[in-house]
Every structure is written in structure tokens, then in C-alpha cells.
PDB file of N, CA and C in Angstrom:
ATOM      1  N   MET A   1      34.766 -40.137 -28.464  1.00  0.00           N
ATOM      2  CA  MET A   1      35.937 -41.181 -29.162  1.00  0.00           C
ATOM      3  C   MET A   1      34.980 -41.287 -30.441  1.00  0.00           C
ATOM      4  N   ILE A   2      35.876 -41.245 -31.466  1.00  0.00           N
ATOM      5  CA  ILE A   2      35.444 -41.504 -32.950  1.00  0.00           C
ATOM      6  C   ILE A   2      35.592 -42.900 -33.129  1.00  0.00           C
ATOM      7  N   LYS A   3      34.708 -43.637 -33.747  1.00  0.00           N
ATOM      8  CA  LYS A   3      34.913 -45.108 -34.181  1.00  0.00           C
ATOM      9  C   LYS A   3      35.000 -45.334 -35.398  1.00  0.00           C
ATOM     10  N   ILE A   4      36.039 -45.852 -35.938  1.00  0.00           N
ATOM     11  CA  ILE A   4      36.238 -46.184 -37.393  1.00  0.00           C
ATOM     12  C   ILE A   4      36.328 -47.483 -37.573  1.00  0.00           C
ATOM     13  N   LEU A   5      35.753 -48.159 -38.665  1.00  0.00           N
ATOM     14  CA  LEU A   5      35.792 -49.452 -39.279  1.00  0.00           C
ATOM     15  C   LEU A   5      36.653 -49.579 -40.261  1.00  0.00           C
ATOM     16  N   ALA A   6      37.583 -50.410 -40.283  1.00  0.00           N
ATOM     17  CA  ALA A   6      38.533 -50.440 -41.506  1.00  0.00           C
ATOM     18  C   ALA A   6      38.431 -52.045 -41.959  1.00  0.00           C
ATOM     19  N   ALA A   7      38.334 -52.173 -43.147  1.00  0.00           N
ATOM     20  CA  ALA A   7      38.054 -53.346 -43.734  1.00  0.00           C
ATOM     21  C   ALA A   7      38.808 -53.724 -45.074  1.00  0.00           C
ATOM     22  N   CYS A   8      39.241 -55.047 -45.140  1.00  0.00           N
ATOM     23  CA  CYS A   8      39.891 -55.619 -46.325  1.00  0.00           C
ATOM     24  C   CYS A   8      39.404 -56.949 -46.648  1.00  0.00           C
ATOM     25  N   GLY A   9      39.938 -57.304 -47.864  1.00  0.00           N
ATOM     26  CA  GLY A   9      39.312 -58.820 -48.020  1.00  0.00           C
ATOM     27  C   GLY A   9      39.561 -60.062 -47.153  1.00  0.00           C
ATOM     28  N   ALA A  10      40.685 -59.999 -46.357  1.00  0.00           N
ATOM     29  CA  ALA A  10      40.986 -61.072 -45.568  1.00  0.00           C
ATOM     30  C   ALA A  10      40.970 -60.707 -44.075  1.00  0.00           C
ATOM     31  N   GLY A  11      40.968 -59.227 -43.794  1.00  0.00           N
ATOM     32  CA  GLY A  11      40.929 -58.694 -42.342  1.00  0.00           C
ATOM     33  C   GLY A  11      42.044 -59.186 -41.549  1.00  0.00           C
ATOM     34  N   ILE A  12      43.245 -59.425 -42.270  1.00  0.00           N
ATOM     35  CA  ILE A  12      44.443 -60.015 -41.674  1.00  0.00           C
ATOM     36  C   ILE A  12      45.492 -58.714 -41.578  1.00  0.00           C
ATOM     37  N   ASN A  13      45.983 -58.550 -42.869  1.00  0.00           N
ATOM     38  CA  ASN A  13      47.140 -57.749 -43.013  1.00  0.00           C
ATOM     39  C   ASN A  13      46.593 -56.352 -43.381  1.00  0.00           C
ATOM     40  N   SER A  14      46.118 -55.922 -44.438  1.00  0.00           N
ATOM     41  CA  SER A  14      45.904 -54.481 -45.032  1.00  0.00           C
ATOM     42  C   SER A  14      45.075 -53.713 -43.996  1.00  0.00           C
ATOM     43  N   SER A  15      44.015 -54.163 -43.474  1.00  0.00           N
ATOM     44  CA  SER A  15      43.138 -53.551 -42.652  1.00  0.00           C
ATOM     45  C   SER A  15      43.765 -53.264 -41.295  1.00  0.00           C
ATOM     46  N   HIS A  16      44.822 -54.200 -40.782  1.00  0.00           N
ATOM     47  CA  HIS A  16      45.524 -53.897 -39.481  1.00  0.00           C
ATOM     48  C   HIS A  16      46.458 -52.764 -39.879  1.00  0.00           C
ATOM     49  N   GLN A  17      46.983 -52.797 -40.998  1.00  0.00           N
ATOM     50  CA  GLN A  17      48.031 -51.581 -41.285  1.00  0.00           C
ATOM     51  C   GLN A  17      47.281 -50.429 -41.194  1.00  0.00           C
ATOM     52  N   ILE A  18      46.162 -50.235 -41.911  1.00  0.00           N
ATOM     53  CA  ILE A  18      45.190 -49.109 -42.137  1.00  0.00           C
ATOM     54  C   ILE A  18      44.928 -48.518 -40.760  1.00  0.00           C
ATOM     55  N   LYS A  19      44.461 -49.613 -39.806  1.00  0.00           N
ATOM     56  CA  LYS A  19      44.116 -49.186 -38.435  1.00  0.00           C
ATOM     57  C   LYS A  19      45.321 -48.719 -37.677  1.00  0.00           C
ATOM     58  N   SER A  20      46.377 -49.261 -37.720  1.00  0.00           N
ATOM     59  CA  SER A  20      47.510 -48.440 -37.173  1.00  0.00           C
ATOM     60  C   SER A  20      47.870 -47.309 -37.633  1.00  0.00           C
ATOM     61  N   ALA A  21      47.933 -46.905 -39.050  1.00  0.00           N
ATOM     62  CA  ALA A  21      48.227 -45.606 -39.473  1.00  0.00           C
ATOM     63  C   ALA A  21      47.132 -44.845 -39.106  1.00  0.00           C
ATOM     64  N   ILE A  22      45.860 -44.885 -39.300  1.00  0.00           N
ATOM     65  CA  ILE A  22      44.856 -44.018 -39.064  1.00  0.00           C
ATOM     66  C   ILE A  22      44.926 -43.611 -37.456  1.00  0.00           C
ATOM     67  N   GLU A  23      44.935 -44.473 -36.546  1.00  0.00           N
ATOM     68  CA  GLU A  23      45.188 -44.373 -35.170  1.00  0.00           C
ATOM     69  C   GLU A  23      46.343 -43.332 -34.953  1.00  0.00           C
ATOM     70  N   GLU A  24      47.462 -43.751 -35.397  1.00  0.00           N
ATOM     71  CA  GLU A  24      48.685 -42.953 -35.189  1.00  0.00           C
ATOM     72  C   GLU A  24      48.478 -41.580 -35.638  1.00  0.00           C
ATOM     73  N   GLU A  25      48.135 -41.224 -36.922  1.00  0.00           N
ATOM     74  CA  GLU A  25      48.120 -40.080 -37.391  1.00  0.00           C
ATOM     75  C   GLU A  25      47.039 -39.108 -36.803  1.00  0.00           C
ATOM     76  N   MET A  26      45.693 -40.007 -36.617  1.00  0.00           N
ATOM     77  CA  MET A  26      44.659 -38.879 -35.925  1.00  0.00           C
ATOM     78  C   MET A  26      45.077 -38.659 -34.509  1.00  0.00           C
ATOM     79  N   LYS A  27      45.942 -39.367 -33.937  1.00  0.00           N
ATOM     80  CA  LYS A  27      46.472 -39.042 -32.564  1.00  0.00           C
ATOM     81  C   LYS A  27      47.273 -37.804 -32.709  1.00  0.00           C
ATOM     82  N   LYS A  28      48.161 -37.824 -33.632  1.00  0.00           N
ATOM     83  CA  LYS A  28      49.258 -36.597 -33.890  1.00  0.00           C
ATOM     84  C   LYS A  28      48.366 -35.449 -34.376  1.00  0.00           C
ATOM     85  N   ARG A  29      47.220 -35.544 -34.922  1.00  0.00           N
ATOM     86  CA  ARG A  29      46.326 -34.429 -35.181  1.00  0.00           C
ATOM     87  C   ARG A  29      45.418 -34.069 -34.000  1.00  0.00           C
ATOM     88  N   GLY A  30      45.622 -34.592 -32.805  1.00  0.00           N
ATOM     89  CA  GLY A  30      44.798 -34.238 -31.663  1.00  0.00           C
ATOM     90  C   GLY A  30      43.403 -34.977 -31.646  1.00  0.00           C
ATOM     91  N   TYR A  31      43.332 -36.051 -32.318  1.00  0.00           N
ATOM     92  CA  TYR A  31      41.886 -36.702 -32.145  1.00  0.00           C
ATOM     93  C   TYR A  31      41.732 -38.009 -31.482  1.00  0.00           C
ATOM     94  N   ASN A  32      40.848 -38.332 -30.732  1.00  0.00           N
ATOM     95  CA  ASN A  32      40.757 -39.511 -29.957  1.00  0.00           C
ATOM     96  C   ASN A  32      39.848 -40.432 -31.124  1.00  0.00           C
ATOM     97  N   VAL A  33      40.609 -41.525 -31.586  1.00  0.00           N
ATOM     98  CA  VAL A  33      39.962 -42.520 -32.417  1.00  0.00           C
ATOM     99  C   VAL A  33      40.201 -43.703 -32.025  1.00  0.00           C
ATOM    100  N   HIS A  34      39.378 -44.681 -32.340  1.00  0.00           N
ATOM    101  CA  HIS A  34      39.629 -46.202 -32.072  1.00  0.00           C
ATOM    102  C   HIS A  34      39.171 -46.989 -33.480  1.00  0.00           C
ATOM    103  N   VAL A  35      40.055 -47.692 -34.097  1.00  0.00           N
ATOM    104  CA  VAL A  35      39.929 -48.166 -35.408  1.00  0.00           C
ATOM    105  C   VAL A  35      39.738 -49.875 -35.162  1.00  0.00           C
ATOM    106  N   ASP A  36      38.674 -50.338 -35.784  1.00  0.00           N
ATOM    107  CA  ASP A  36      38.535 -51.940 -35.773  1.00  0.00           C
ATOM    108  C   ASP A  36      39.033 -52.354 -37.053  1.00  0.00           C
ATOM    109  N   ALA A  37      39.561 -53.398 -37.201  1.00  0.00           N
ATOM    110  CA  ALA A  37      40.022 -53.878 -38.587  1.00  0.00           C
ATOM    111  C   ALA A  37      39.077 -55.392 -38.627  1.00  0.00           C
ATOM    112  N   VAL A  38      38.431 -55.383 -39.923  1.00  0.00           N
ATOM    113  CA  VAL A  38      37.606 -56.713 -40.156  1.00  0.00           C
ATOM    114  C   VAL A  38      37.435 -57.127 -41.605  1.00  0.00           C
ATOM    115  N   VAL A  39      36.981 -58.379 -41.770  1.00  0.00           N
ATOM    116  CA  VAL A  39      36.802 -58.813 -43.188  1.00  0.00           C
ATOM    117  C   VAL A  39      35.627 -58.200 -43.869  1.00  0.00           C
ATOM    118  N   VAL A  40      35.698 -57.709 -45.071  1.00  0.00           N
ATOM    119  CA  VAL A  40      34.717 -57.041 -45.688  1.00  0.00           C
ATOM    120  C   VAL A  40      33.390 -57.913 -45.720  1.00  0.00           C
ATOM    121  N   LYS A  41      33.482 -59.216 -45.932  1.00  0.00           N
ATOM    122  CA  LYS A  41      32.280 -60.055 -46.102  1.00  0.00           C
ATOM    123  C   LYS A  41      31.703 -60.389 -44.779  1.00  0.00           C
ATOM    124  N   ASP A  42      32.275 -59.794 -43.666  1.00  0.00           N
ATOM    125  CA  ASP A  42      31.543 -60.057 -42.312  1.00  0.00           C
ATOM    126  C   ASP A  42      30.714 -58.762 -41.916  1.00  0.00           C
ATOM    127  N   ILE A  43      30.858 -57.827 -42.705  1.00  0.00           N
ATOM    128  CA  ILE A  43      30.121 -56.647 -42.276  1.00  0.00           C
ATOM    129  C   ILE A  43      28.698 -56.620 -42.575  1.00  0.00           C
ATOM    130  N   ASN A  44      27.803 -56.446 -41.785  1.00  0.00           N
ATOM    131  CA  ASN A  44      26.369 -56.292 -41.780  1.00  0.00           C
ATOM    132  C   ASN A  44      26.068 -54.917 -41.491  1.00  0.00           C
ATOM    133  N   GLU A  45      24.665 -54.628 -41.742  1.00  0.00           N
ATOM    134  CA  GLU A  45      24.218 -53.278 -41.239  1.00  0.00           C
ATOM    135  C   GLU A  45      24.223 -52.954 -39.949  1.00  0.00           C
ATOM    136  N   ASP A  46      23.944 -54.087 -39.003  1.00  0.00           N
ATOM    137  CA  ASP A  46      24.039 -53.955 -37.594  1.00  0.00           C
ATOM    138  C   ASP A  46      25.346 -53.336 -37.258  1.00  0.00           C
ATOM    139  N   MET A  47      26.468 -54.246 -37.776  1.00  0.00           N
ATOM    140  CA  MET A  47      27.977 -53.713 -37.327  1.00  0.00           C
ATOM    141  C   MET A  47      28.141 -52.348 -37.891  1.00  0.00           C
ATOM    142  N   MET A  48      27.878 -52.105 -39.007  1.00  0.00           N
ATOM    143  CA  MET A  48      28.157 -50.880 -39.740  1.00  0.00           C
ATOM    144  C   MET A  48      27.605 -49.789 -38.619  1.00  0.00           C
ATOM    145  N   ASN A  49      26.487 -49.784 -38.225  1.00  0.00           N
ATOM    146  CA  ASN A  49      25.635 -48.788 -37.504  1.00  0.00           C
ATOM    147  C   ASN A  49      26.472 -48.422 -36.194  1.00  0.00           C
ATOM    148  N   GLN A  50      27.501 -49.216 -35.821  1.00  0.00           N
ATOM    149  CA  GLN A  50      28.180 -48.865 -34.535  1.00  0.00           C
ATOM    150  C   GLN A  50      29.380 -47.954 -34.710  1.00  0.00           C
ATOM    151  N   TYR A  51      29.638 -47.624 -35.945  1.00  0.00           N
ATOM    152  CA  TYR A  51      31.031 -46.644 -36.174  1.00  0.00           C
ATOM    153  C   TYR A  51      30.492 -45.356 -36.892  1.00  0.00           C
ATOM    154  N   ASP A  52      31.428 -44.696 -36.782  1.00  0.00           N
ATOM    155  CA  ASP A  52      31.207 -43.125 -37.351  1.00  0.00           C
ATOM    156  C   ASP A  52      31.879 -43.134 -38.745  1.00  0.00           C
ATOM    157  N   ILE A  53      32.756 -43.618 -39.085  1.00  0.00           N
ATOM    158  CA  ILE A  53      33.457 -43.549 -40.360  1.00  0.00           C
ATOM    159  C   ILE A  53      33.658 -45.229 -41.032  1.00  0.00           C
ATOM    160  N   PHE A  54      33.675 -45.349 -42.210  1.00  0.00           N
ATOM    161  CA  PHE A  54      33.952 -46.692 -42.847  1.00  0.00           C
ATOM    162  C   PHE A  54      35.161 -46.457 -43.516  1.00  0.00           C
ATOM    163  N   ALA A  55      36.339 -47.176 -43.506  1.00  0.00           N
ATOM    164  CA  ALA A  55      37.600 -46.809 -44.136  1.00  0.00           C
ATOM    165  C   ALA A  55      37.918 -48.247 -44.878  1.00  0.00           C
ATOM    166  N   PRO A  56      37.414 -48.698 -45.817  1.00  0.00           N
ATOM    167  CA  PRO A  56      37.703 -49.910 -46.524  1.00  0.00           C
ATOM    168  C   PRO A  56      38.857 -49.811 -47.303  1.00  0.00           C
ATOM    169  N   ILE A  57      39.620 -50.789 -47.754  1.00  0.00           N
ATOM    170  CA  ILE A  57      40.782 -50.710 -48.507  1.00  0.00           C
ATOM    171  C   ILE A  57      40.339 -50.236 -50.018  1.00  0.00           C
ATOM    172  N   SER A  58      39.184 -50.505 -50.555  1.00  0.00           N
ATOM    173  CA  SER A  58      38.956 -49.855 -51.618  1.00  0.00           C
ATOM    174  C   SER A  58      37.148 -49.880 -51.803  1.00  0.00           C
ATOM    175  N   LYS A  59      36.661 -49.076 -52.892  1.00  0.00           N
ATOM    176  CA  LYS A  59      35.255 -49.120 -52.704  1.00  0.00           C
ATOM    177  C   LYS A  59      34.637 -50.505 -52.732  1.00  0.00           C
ATOM    178  N   THR A  60      33.521 -50.244 -51.906  1.00  0.00           N
ATOM    179  CA  THR A  60      32.765 -51.547 -51.355  1.00  0.00           C
ATOM    180  C   THR A  60      31.308 -51.443 -51.757  1.00  0.00           C
ATOM    181  N   LYS A  61      30.556 -52.432 -52.292  1.00  0.00           N
ATOM    182  CA  LYS A  61      29.197 -52.295 -52.271  1.00  0.00           C
ATOM    183  C   LYS A  61      28.528 -53.500 -51.391  1.00  0.00           C
ATOM    184  N   PHE A  62      27.392 -53.003 -50.695  1.00  0.00           N
ATOM    185  CA  PHE A  62      26.759 -53.923 -49.800  1.00  0.00           C
ATOM    186  C   PHE A  62      25.343 -53.948 -50.429  1.00  0.00           C
ATOM    187  N   SER A  63      24.853 -54.954 -49.536  1.00  0.00           N
ATOM    188  CA  SER A  63      23.166 -55.078 -49.900  1.00  0.00           C
ATOM    189  C   SER A  63      22.227 -54.022 -49.139  1.00  0.00           C
ATOM    190  N   PHE A  64      23.022 -53.279 -48.326  1.00  0.00           N
ATOM    191  CA  PHE A  64      22.247 -52.189 -47.504  1.00  0.00           C
ATOM    192  C   PHE A  64      22.934 -50.845 -48.043  1.00  0.00           C
ATOM    193  N   GLU A  65      22.470 -49.896 -47.521  1.00  0.00           N
ATOM    194  CA  GLU A  65      22.730 -48.318 -47.790  1.00  0.00           C
ATOM    195  C   GLU A  65      23.959 -48.160 -46.680  1.00  0.00           C
ATOM    196  N   VAL A  66      25.101 -47.611 -46.969  1.00  0.00           N
ATOM    197  CA  VAL A  66      26.029 -47.211 -46.039  1.00  0.00           C
ATOM    198  C   VAL A  66      25.805 -45.841 -45.819  1.00  0.00           C
ATOM    199  N   LYS A  67      25.598 -45.433 -44.459  1.00  0.00           N
ATOM    200  CA  LYS A  67      24.892 -44.053 -43.905  1.00  0.00           C
ATOM    201  C   LYS A  67      25.878 -43.134 -43.455  1.00  0.00           C
ATOM    202  N   LEU A  68      27.250 -43.678 -43.303  1.00  0.00           N
ATOM    203  CA  LEU A  68      28.345 -43.178 -42.615  1.00  0.00           C
ATOM    204  C   LEU A  68      29.383 -42.772 -43.788  1.00  0.00           C
ATOM    205  N   PRO A  69      30.228 -41.721 -43.561  1.00  0.00           N
ATOM    206  CA  PRO A  69      31.298 -41.399 -44.366  1.00  0.00           C
ATOM    207  C   PRO A  69      32.055 -42.633 -44.569  1.00  0.00           C
ATOM    208  N   MET A  70      32.288 -43.012 -46.333  1.00  0.00           N
ATOM    209  CA  MET A  70      33.160 -44.175 -46.602  1.00  0.00           C
ATOM    210  C   MET A  70      34.212 -43.561 -47.235  1.00  0.00           C
ATOM    211  N   ILE A  71      35.288 -43.811 -46.635  1.00  0.00           N
ATOM    212  CA  ILE A  71      36.703 -43.098 -47.129  1.00  0.00           C
ATOM    213  C   ILE A  71      37.735 -44.193 -47.549  1.00  0.00           C
ATOM    214  N   GLU A  72      37.769 -44.260 -48.778  1.00  0.00           N
ATOM    215  CA  GLU A  72      38.989 -45.382 -49.317  1.00  0.00           C
ATOM    216  C   GLU A  72      40.030 -45.107 -48.633  1.00  0.00           C
ATOM    217  N   ALA A  73      40.653 -46.015 -47.885  1.00  0.00           N
ATOM    218  CA  ALA A  73      41.932 -46.117 -47.317  1.00  0.00           C
ATOM    219  C   ALA A  73      43.240 -46.700 -47.666  1.00  0.00           C
ATOM    220  N   GLY A  74      42.912 -47.451 -49.034  1.00  0.00           N
ATOM    221  CA  GLY A  74      43.982 -48.191 -49.765  1.00  0.00           C
ATOM    222  C   GLY A  74      45.326 -47.389 -50.009  1.00  0.00           C
ATOM    223  N   PRO A  75      45.122 -46.318 -50.424  1.00  0.00           N
ATOM    224  CA  PRO A  75      46.506 -45.368 -50.531  1.00  0.00           C
ATOM    225  C   PRO A  75      47.362 -45.178 -49.344  1.00  0.00           C
ATOM    226  N   ILE A  76      46.685 -45.465 -48.144  1.00  0.00           N
ATOM    227  CA  ILE A  76      47.594 -45.247 -46.711  1.00  0.00           C
ATOM    228  C   ILE A  76      48.731 -46.536 -46.860  1.00  0.00           C
ATOM    229  N   LEU A  77      48.346 -47.633 -47.532  1.00  0.00           N
ATOM    230  CA  LEU A  77      49.488 -48.865 -47.675  1.00  0.00           C
ATOM    231  C   LEU A  77      50.645 -48.400 -48.178  1.00  0.00           C
ATOM    232  N   TYR A  78      50.609 -47.579 -49.165  1.00  0.00           N
ATOM    233  CA  TYR A  78      51.836 -47.166 -49.981  1.00  0.00           C
ATOM    234  C   TYR A  78      52.885 -46.416 -49.148  1.00  0.00           C
ATOM    235  N   ARG A  79      52.338 -46.027 -48.061  1.00  0.00           N
ATOM    236  CA  ARG A  79      53.331 -45.168 -47.050  1.00  0.00           C
ATOM    237  C   ARG A  79      54.100 -44.055 -47.570  1.00  0.00           C
ATOM    238  N   ILE A  80      53.291 -43.560 -48.794  1.00  0.00           N
ATOM    239  CA  ILE A  80      53.852 -42.345 -49.590  1.00  0.00           C
ATOM    240  C   ILE A  80      52.793 -41.036 -49.075  1.00  0.00           C
ATOM    241  N   PRO A  81      53.564 -40.288 -48.436  1.00  0.00           N
ATOM    242  CA  PRO A  81      52.816 -38.985 -47.902  1.00  0.00           C
ATOM    243  C   PRO A  81      51.719 -38.398 -48.956  1.00  0.00           C
ATOM    244  N   ALA A  82      52.203 -38.355 -50.095  1.00  0.00           N
ATOM    245  CA  ALA A  82      51.419 -37.716 -51.224  1.00  0.00           C
ATOM    246  C   ALA A  82      50.163 -38.577 -51.409  1.00  0.00           C
ATOM    247  N   MET A  83      50.362 -39.803 -51.049  1.00  0.00           N
ATOM    248  CA  MET A  83      49.087 -40.665 -51.191  1.00  0.00           C
ATOM    249  C   MET A  83      48.241 -40.713 -50.168  1.00  0.00           C
ATOM    250  N   ALA A  84      48.988 -40.763 -49.081  1.00  0.00           N
ATOM    251  CA  ALA A  84      48.060 -41.113 -47.630  1.00  0.00           C
ATOM    252  C   ALA A  84      47.695 -39.916 -47.209  1.00  0.00           C
ATOM    253  N   ASP A  85      48.423 -38.723 -47.369  1.00  0.00           N
ATOM    254  CA  ASP A  85      47.749 -37.494 -46.651  1.00  0.00           C
ATOM    255  C   ASP A  85      46.478 -37.081 -47.195  1.00  0.00           C
ATOM    256  N   PRO A  86      46.087 -37.284 -48.298  1.00  0.00           N
ATOM    257  CA  PRO A  86      44.784 -36.821 -48.667  1.00  0.00           C
ATOM    258  C   PRO A  86      43.792 -37.733 -47.888  1.00  0.00           C
ATOM    259  N   VAL A  87      44.089 -39.094 -47.762  1.00  0.00           N
ATOM    260  CA  VAL A  87      43.179 -39.940 -47.113  1.00  0.00           C
ATOM    261  C   VAL A  87      43.017 -39.355 -45.577  1.00  0.00           C
ATOM    262  N   PHE A  88      44.121 -39.187 -44.971  1.00  0.00           N
ATOM    263  CA  PHE A  88      44.109 -38.680 -43.499  1.00  0.00           C
ATOM    264  C   PHE A  88      43.130 -37.384 -43.387  1.00  0.00           C
ATOM    265  N   ASP A  89      43.429 -36.382 -44.410  1.00  0.00           N
ATOM    266  CA  ASP A  89      42.561 -35.324 -44.419  1.00  0.00           C
ATOM    267  C   ASP A  89      41.180 -35.341 -44.592  1.00  0.00           C
ATOM    268  N   GLU A  90      40.948 -36.409 -45.448  1.00  0.00           N
ATOM    269  CA  GLU A  90      39.423 -36.630 -45.565  1.00  0.00           C
ATOM    270  C   GLU A  90      38.797 -37.181 -44.334  1.00  0.00           C
ATOM    271  N   ILE A  91      39.665 -37.905 -43.830  1.00  0.00           N
ATOM    272  CA  ILE A  91      39.040 -38.757 -42.424  1.00  0.00           C
ATOM    273  C   ILE A  91      39.083 -37.650 -41.536  1.00  0.00           C
ATOM    274  N   GLU A  92      40.054 -36.775 -41.360  1.00  0.00           N
ATOM    275  CA  GLU A  92      39.942 -35.621 -40.375  1.00  0.00           C
ATOM    276  C   GLU A  92      38.754 -34.379 -40.745  1.00  0.00           C
ATOM    277  N   SER A  93      38.377 -34.261 -41.809  1.00  0.00           N
ATOM    278  CA  SER A  93      37.180 -33.455 -42.270  1.00  0.00           C
ATOM    279  C   SER A  93      35.917 -34.137 -41.972  1.00  0.00           C
ATOM    280  N   ALA A  94      35.781 -35.555 -42.034  1.00  0.00           N
ATOM    281  CA  ALA A  94      34.664 -36.255 -41.741  1.00  0.00           C
ATOM    282  C   ALA A  94      34.379 -36.191 -40.135  1.00  0.00           C
ATOM    283  N   ILE A  95      35.781 -36.193 -39.399  1.00  0.00           N
ATOM    284  CA  ILE A  95      35.656 -36.135 -37.871  1.00  0.00           C
ATOM    285  C   ILE A  95      35.028 -34.653 -37.571  1.00  0.00           C
ATOM    286  N   LYS A  96      35.624 -33.564 -38.075  1.00  0.00           N
ATOM    287  CA  LYS A  96      35.092 -32.224 -38.057  1.00  0.00           C
ATOM    288  C   LYS A  96      33.910 -32.011 -38.131  1.00  0.00           C
ATOM    289  N   SER A  97      33.279 -32.825 -39.095  1.00  0.00           N
ATOM    290  CA  SER A  97      31.730 -32.556 -39.421  1.00  0.00           C
ATOM    291  C   SER A  97      30.862 -33.303 -38.431  1.00  0.00           C
ATOM    292  N   MET A  98      31.323 -34.085 -37.536  1.00  0.00           N
ATOM    293  CA  MET A  98      30.473 -34.639 -36.477  1.00  0.00           C
ATOM    294  C   MET A  98      30.329 -33.805 -35.312  1.00  0.00           C
ATOM    295  N   ASP A  99      29.371 -34.171 -34.399  1.00  0.00           N
ATOM    296  CA  ASP A  99      29.146 -33.444 -33.192  1.00  0.00           C
ATOM    297  C   ASP A  99      29.622 -34.267 -32.173  1.00  0.00           C
ATOM    298  N   LYS A 100      30.845 -34.671 -32.260  1.00  0.00           N
ATOM    299  CA  LYS A 100      31.400 -35.490 -31.004  1.00  0.00           C
ATOM    300  C   LYS A 100      32.546 -34.856 -30.355  1.00  0.00           C
TER     301      LYS A 100
END
């Protein structure tokens, strides 16, 4: 199973929409993924190390180095395939590059 961390400013709405969309789309593409939705300010290095992909709503800087693929997932919220599909494709590409 691929573990993805979705994050937004409040951890209430946007990250949960991103979570649902990624899980649904990756299932359609044949991948077993689980997405957790959190508040960006609550993320620390130990938490980040438990995931395979980081999907924040927008580019995020931390006091530590993010060592896993960071894929900006904000365009998923527009629900316009021309904007969301490239994000899903990037997630799929990151999954394919893993040994899982």
C-alpha cells in the first residue's frame, strides 16, 4: 500500500477533498493507496517519514528536508480534468518509481 499525506492550512476541507479525489482516481488506475489529511503546521519530520508521497495544497517549506516526492495537489480542487489529470499523472509516476 502506498501512503500519501495530504495537507492544507486548516486540515478540514481542502485536504479532505484532495484525499478523496486521490484515493478514488488511484483506485481507478489500479493502485492501492491510503491518504491521510492533516494541517500543514502539525507536520514534523517523524510524521513525514511515515509516508511515501506528500501532496500539499501548495508548495510548502519546512525546517527539515522533505525526502519524499512532493506533489502540489491544489489543482485537484478545481475538478477540471485538464488541471487535475496532470497531478494524478505525477502521483502515478511517483508510485511507479517506488519498489512497492
